[in-house]
Amino acid sequence: MDGARLGARLRSLRLEAGLTQAELARRTGIHRPNIARVEAGRHTPSLETLARLAQAIGVSTSHVLVEE
């Protein structure tokens, strides 16, 4: 999955969970601008960061990576 598709997937899952970027940042300790860069496809997160984001959204890392 390329960075743009990964970012779009994370954004979609975050919105489905009813979270703002600010709330996701608070839950993960990742700065909101960094979350915005990931969602915009301008930065590909490390596996560790991806796992933190997925956990805070309430899904598994594999759920983020597997497109429906």
Protein backbone atom coordinates (compact mmCIF):
# COMPACT_ATOMS: atom_id res chain seq x y z
CA MET A 1 0.00 0.00 0.00
CA ASP A 2 1.46 3.36 -0.96
CA GLY A 3 1.63 6.35 1.39
CA ALA A 4 -1.36 8.17 -0.09
CA ARG A 5 -3.64 5.13 0.17
CA LEU A 6 -2.40 4.35 3.68
CA GLY A 7 -3.07 7.93 4.76
CA ALA A 8 -6.55 7.88 3.26
CA ARG A 9 -7.27 4.57 4.99
CA LEU A 10 -6.12 5.92 8.37
CA ARG A 11 -8.21 9.06 7.91
CA SER A 12 -11.29 7.02 7.01
CA LEU A 13 -10.86 4.73 10.03
CA ARG A 14 -10.26 7.70 12.33
CA LEU A 15 -13.45 9.38 11.13
CA GLU A 16 -15.43 6.14 11.47
CA ALA A 17 -14.23 5.99 15.08
CA GLY A 18 -15.49 9.54 15.61
CA LEU A 19 -12.04 10.92 16.42
CA THR A 20 -10.49 14.24 15.49
CA GLN A 21 -6.82 14.50 14.65
CA ALA A 22 -6.38 16.34 17.95
CA GLU A 23 -8.00 13.51 19.92
CA LEU A 24 -5.92 10.91 18.09
CA ALA A 25 -2.81 12.96 18.86
CA ARG A 26 -3.75 13.07 22.55
CA ARG A 27 -4.31 9.31 22.66
CA THR A 28 -1.06 8.43 20.90
CA GLY A 29 1.33 11.18 21.94
CA ILE A 30 2.00 11.86 18.25
CA HIS A 31 1.84 15.54 17.33
CA ARG A 32 -1.27 16.48 15.33
CA PRO A 33 0.72 17.95 12.40
CA ASN A 34 2.49 14.60 12.05
CA ILE A 35 -0.85 12.80 11.92
CA ALA A 36 -2.00 15.28 9.27
CA ARG A 37 1.14 14.56 7.20
CA VAL A 38 0.51 10.81 7.40
CA GLU A 39 -3.15 11.21 6.42
CA ALA A 40 -2.17 13.46 3.50
CA GLY A 41 0.27 10.83 2.24
CA ARG A 42 3.28 13.11 2.73
CA HIS A 43 4.87 10.83 5.34
CA THR A 44 4.86 7.05 5.72
CA PRO A 45 4.79 6.06 9.40
CA SER A 46 7.06 3.45 10.92
CA LEU A 47 5.44 0.16 11.86
CA GLU A 48 5.61 1.19 15.52
CA THR A 49 3.81 4.47 14.81
CA LEU A 50 1.24 2.72 12.65
CA ALA A 51 0.56 0.27 15.49
CA ARG A 52 0.07 3.16 17.95
CA LEU A 53 -2.35 4.89 15.58
CA ALA A 54 -4.30 1.70 14.93
CA GLN A 55 -4.58 0.88 18.64
CA ALA A 56 -5.84 4.39 19.43
CA ILE A 57 -8.43 4.11 16.65
CA GLY A 58 -9.49 0.72 17.98
CA VAL A 59 -8.44 -1.51 15.10
CA SER A 60 -5.58 -3.91 14.44
CA THR A 61 -2.55 -2.88 12.43
CA SER A 62 -3.44 -5.51 9.84
CA HIS A 63 -6.93 -4.00 9.51
CA VAL A 64 -5.31 -0.70 8.54
CA LEU A 65 -3.07 -2.36 5.96
CA VAL A 66 -5.68 -4.62 4.33
CA GLU A 67 -7.93 -2.74 1.97
CA GLU A 68 -11.55 -3.76 1.88
